[in-house]
N, C-alpha and C. Protein backbone atom coordinates (compact mmCIF):
# COMPACT_ATOMS: atom_id res chain seq x y z
N LEU A 1 83.01 77.91 101.08
CA LEU A 1 83.95 78.84 101.70
C LEU A 1 85.04 78.03 102.41
N VAL A 2 86.29 78.36 102.12
CA VAL A 2 87.42 77.69 102.74
C VAL A 2 87.94 78.58 103.86
N LEU A 3 87.88 78.06 105.08
CA LEU A 3 88.43 78.81 106.20
C LEU A 3 89.84 78.30 106.45
N PHE A 4 90.75 79.21 106.62
CA PHE A 4 92.15 78.84 106.76
C PHE A 4 92.83 79.83 107.68
N SER A 5 93.65 79.36 108.56
CA SER A 5 94.45 80.27 109.38
C SER A 5 95.85 79.70 109.50
N LEU A 6 96.80 80.58 109.77
CA LEU A 6 98.17 80.13 109.93
C LEU A 6 98.29 79.19 111.13
N GLN A 7 97.40 79.34 112.11
CA GLN A 7 97.47 78.50 113.28
C GLN A 7 97.08 77.05 112.98
N SER A 8 96.44 76.79 111.84
CA SER A 8 96.00 75.44 111.53
C SER A 8 97.15 74.55 111.04
N ILE A 9 98.30 75.14 110.77
CA ILE A 9 99.45 74.37 110.32
C ILE A 9 100.25 73.95 111.54
N ALA A 10 100.50 72.66 111.68
CA ALA A 10 101.22 72.15 112.85
C ALA A 10 102.65 72.67 112.87
N ARG A 11 103.05 73.11 114.03
CA ARG A 11 104.42 73.58 114.23
C ARG A 11 105.03 72.82 115.40
N ASP A 12 106.33 72.64 115.34
CA ASP A 12 107.05 71.91 116.38
C ASP A 12 107.71 72.93 117.32
N PRO A 13 107.24 73.03 118.58
CA PRO A 13 107.84 73.98 119.52
C PRO A 13 109.33 73.73 119.74
N GLY A 14 109.77 72.51 119.54
CA GLY A 14 111.19 72.19 119.68
C GLY A 14 112.05 72.93 118.67
N GLN A 15 111.49 73.22 117.51
CA GLN A 15 112.23 73.96 116.49
C GLN A 15 112.45 75.41 116.92
N VAL A 16 111.45 76.00 117.57
CA VAL A 16 111.60 77.37 118.08
C VAL A 16 112.66 77.38 119.18
N ARG A 17 112.62 76.40 120.05
CA ARG A 17 113.64 76.32 121.11
C ARG A 17 115.04 76.19 120.50
N ALA A 18 115.16 75.40 119.44
CA ALA A 18 116.46 75.24 118.77
C ALA A 18 116.90 76.57 118.16
N PHE A 19 115.98 77.31 117.57
CA PHE A 19 116.31 78.62 117.01
C PHE A 19 116.79 79.55 118.12
N ARG A 20 116.03 79.61 119.21
CA ARG A 20 116.36 80.52 120.30
C ARG A 20 117.69 80.17 120.97
N ALA A 21 118.06 78.90 120.96
CA ALA A 21 119.32 78.48 121.58
C ALA A 21 120.52 79.13 120.90
N THR A 22 120.39 79.44 119.63
CA THR A 22 121.51 80.03 118.88
C THR A 22 121.24 81.47 118.45
N HIS A 23 120.04 81.97 118.73
CA HIS A 23 119.66 83.35 118.36
C HIS A 23 119.00 84.02 119.57
N PRO A 24 119.79 84.62 120.45
CA PRO A 24 119.21 85.23 121.64
C PRO A 24 118.20 86.32 121.29
N CYS A 25 117.27 86.54 122.20
CA CYS A 25 116.25 87.58 122.05
C CYS A 25 116.91 88.94 121.84
N PRO A 26 116.45 89.72 120.86
CA PRO A 26 117.03 91.05 120.63
C PRO A 26 116.84 92.02 121.79
N SER A 27 115.77 91.87 122.57
CA SER A 27 115.52 92.83 123.65
C SER A 27 116.14 92.42 124.99
N THR A 28 116.42 91.13 125.19
CA THR A 28 116.98 90.70 126.48
C THR A 28 118.35 90.04 126.35
N ASN A 29 118.69 89.65 125.15
CA ASN A 29 119.93 88.92 124.87
C ASN A 29 119.98 87.57 125.59
N LYS A 30 118.80 87.02 125.89
CA LYS A 30 118.71 85.71 126.54
C LYS A 30 118.16 84.68 125.56
N THR A 31 118.45 83.42 125.81
CA THR A 31 117.99 82.35 124.93
C THR A 31 116.74 81.65 125.47
N THR A 32 116.27 82.06 126.64
CA THR A 32 115.03 81.51 127.22
C THR A 32 114.22 82.65 127.81
N GLY A 33 112.97 82.35 128.09
CA GLY A 33 112.11 83.35 128.71
C GLY A 33 111.44 84.25 127.69
N ALA A 34 110.66 85.18 128.22
CA ALA A 34 109.91 86.11 127.36
C ALA A 34 110.87 86.99 126.58
N CYS A 35 110.44 87.36 125.39
CA CYS A 35 111.20 88.27 124.53
C CYS A 35 110.28 89.43 124.17
N PHE A 36 110.22 90.39 125.06
CA PHE A 36 109.27 91.49 124.91
C PHE A 36 109.49 92.27 123.62
N GLY A 37 108.39 92.42 122.87
CA GLY A 37 108.43 93.20 121.64
C GLY A 37 108.81 92.42 120.40
N TYR A 38 109.13 91.12 120.56
CA TYR A 38 109.56 90.32 119.42
C TYR A 38 108.87 88.96 119.41
N VAL A 39 108.77 88.37 118.22
CA VAL A 39 108.27 87.01 118.04
C VAL A 39 109.22 86.27 117.10
N VAL A 40 109.22 84.96 117.21
CA VAL A 40 109.96 84.14 116.25
C VAL A 40 109.03 83.91 115.06
N ASP A 41 109.52 84.22 113.88
CA ASP A 41 108.68 84.17 112.67
C ASP A 41 109.33 83.27 111.63
N HIS A 42 108.50 82.58 110.87
CA HIS A 42 109.00 81.81 109.72
C HIS A 42 109.25 82.78 108.58
N ILE A 43 110.43 82.74 108.00
CA ILE A 43 110.79 83.63 106.90
C ILE A 43 109.93 83.31 105.68
N LYS A 44 109.94 82.06 105.27
CA LYS A 44 109.07 81.60 104.18
C LYS A 44 107.92 80.85 104.83
N PRO A 45 106.68 81.27 104.57
CA PRO A 45 105.53 80.62 105.22
C PRO A 45 105.52 79.11 104.97
N ILE A 46 105.10 78.38 105.98
CA ILE A 46 105.01 76.93 105.86
C ILE A 46 104.06 76.55 104.73
N CYS A 47 102.98 77.31 104.57
CA CYS A 47 102.00 76.99 103.52
C CYS A 47 102.60 77.15 102.12
N ALA A 48 103.72 77.87 102.02
CA ALA A 48 104.38 78.07 100.73
C ALA A 48 105.61 77.17 100.60
N GLY A 49 105.70 76.17 101.45
CA GLY A 49 106.80 75.23 101.37
C GLY A 49 107.96 75.54 102.29
N GLY A 50 107.81 76.57 103.12
CA GLY A 50 108.86 76.89 104.09
C GLY A 50 108.96 75.81 105.15
N LEU A 51 110.15 75.60 105.64
CA LEU A 51 110.38 74.57 106.64
C LEU A 51 110.08 75.08 108.04
N ASP A 52 109.60 74.20 108.89
CA ASP A 52 109.46 74.50 110.30
C ASP A 52 110.78 74.09 110.94
N HIS A 53 111.80 74.91 110.69
CA HIS A 53 113.17 74.61 111.07
C HIS A 53 113.88 75.93 111.39
N PRO A 54 114.83 75.93 112.31
CA PRO A 54 115.53 77.18 112.65
C PRO A 54 116.12 77.93 111.46
N SER A 55 116.50 77.22 110.41
CA SER A 55 117.07 77.89 109.24
C SER A 55 116.04 78.76 108.52
N ASN A 56 114.76 78.58 108.82
CA ASN A 56 113.68 79.36 108.21
C ASN A 56 113.01 80.26 109.25
N MET A 57 113.73 80.61 110.30
CA MET A 57 113.17 81.44 111.37
C MET A 57 114.02 82.68 111.58
N ALA A 58 113.36 83.73 112.07
CA ALA A 58 114.05 84.98 112.40
C ALA A 58 113.25 85.70 113.46
N TRP A 59 113.93 86.55 114.23
CA TRP A 59 113.22 87.42 115.16
C TRP A 59 112.55 88.53 114.36
N GLN A 60 111.34 88.87 114.76
CA GLN A 60 110.61 89.95 114.09
C GLN A 60 109.91 90.79 115.15
N ALA A 61 109.96 92.10 114.97
CA ALA A 61 109.25 92.99 115.88
C ALA A 61 107.77 92.63 115.86
N PHE A 62 107.16 92.64 117.05
CA PHE A 62 105.77 92.20 117.19
C PHE A 62 104.82 92.94 116.25
N MET A 63 104.92 94.25 116.17
CA MET A 63 104.00 95.02 115.32
C MET A 63 104.22 94.69 113.84
N LYS A 64 105.45 94.48 113.42
CA LYS A 64 105.71 94.09 112.03
C LYS A 64 105.14 92.70 111.75
N SER A 65 105.16 91.84 112.77
CA SER A 65 104.64 90.48 112.57
C SER A 65 103.14 90.51 112.32
N LYS A 66 102.43 91.44 112.95
CA LYS A 66 100.99 91.57 112.72
C LYS A 66 100.71 91.95 111.27
N GLU A 67 101.50 92.88 110.73
CA GLU A 67 101.35 93.29 109.32
C GLU A 67 101.65 92.12 108.39
N LYS A 68 102.76 91.42 108.66
CA LYS A 68 103.15 90.29 107.81
C LYS A 68 102.12 89.16 107.89
N ASP A 69 101.57 88.92 109.09
CA ASP A 69 100.55 87.87 109.24
C ASP A 69 99.35 88.11 108.35
N LYS A 70 98.90 89.35 108.22
CA LYS A 70 97.75 89.66 107.35
C LYS A 70 98.05 89.27 105.90
N ILE A 71 99.24 89.58 105.45
CA ILE A 71 99.63 89.25 104.08
C ILE A 71 99.74 87.73 103.92
N GLU A 72 100.36 87.07 104.89
CA GLU A 72 100.53 85.62 104.80
C GLU A 72 99.21 84.88 104.88
N ILE A 73 98.28 85.35 105.68
CA ILE A 73 96.97 84.69 105.77
C ILE A 73 96.28 84.75 104.42
N ALA A 74 96.31 85.91 103.77
CA ALA A 74 95.69 86.03 102.44
C ALA A 74 96.40 85.11 101.44
N PHE A 75 97.73 85.08 101.49
CA PHE A 75 98.49 84.23 100.58
C PHE A 75 98.17 82.75 100.82
N CYS A 76 98.15 82.34 102.08
CA CYS A 76 97.89 80.94 102.40
C CYS A 76 96.47 80.52 102.03
N ARG A 77 95.52 81.43 102.18
CA ARG A 77 94.15 81.14 101.73
C ARG A 77 94.14 80.89 100.24
N CYS A 78 94.87 81.70 99.50
CA CYS A 78 94.97 81.54 98.05
C CYS A 78 95.58 80.18 97.73
N MET A 79 96.66 79.83 98.43
CA MET A 79 97.33 78.54 98.19
C MET A 79 96.39 77.38 98.50
N ALA A 80 95.58 77.53 99.55
CA ALA A 80 94.67 76.46 99.95
C ALA A 80 93.59 76.24 98.89
N ARG A 81 93.31 77.25 98.11
CA ARG A 81 92.29 77.13 97.06
C ARG A 81 92.89 76.63 95.75
N ASP A 82 94.20 76.36 95.76
CA ASP A 82 94.89 75.87 94.57
C ASP A 82 94.76 76.83 93.39
N LEU A 83 94.81 78.11 93.67
CA LEU A 83 94.76 79.09 92.59
C LEU A 83 96.14 79.15 91.93
N VAL A 84 96.13 79.46 90.66
CA VAL A 84 97.38 79.44 89.89
C VAL A 84 98.31 80.57 90.34
N VAL A 85 97.77 81.75 90.54
CA VAL A 85 98.59 82.90 90.88
C VAL A 85 98.23 83.39 92.28
N CYS A 86 99.16 83.30 93.18
CA CYS A 86 98.97 83.81 94.53
C CYS A 86 100.11 84.78 94.82
N LYS A 87 99.75 85.98 95.24
CA LYS A 87 100.78 86.99 95.56
C LYS A 87 100.62 87.46 96.96
């Protein structure tokens, strides 16, 4: 059994800070501090070759991020098993 989580992939907090410096929080319009209701999300998952870079980040509503995380966890587990077809 292969256990895999999105949290197991190393991320650079400096990249999130760089993203936030040019993309203020949608709920507060600030570039620092809490952003209630939103998270910074990788557009293309790192496990699928997405970069841990501001160009691959976007603000996402917290509840939508939970839905997307479920899909990405399943996809990344598939990728970790080296299966030919992962959707």
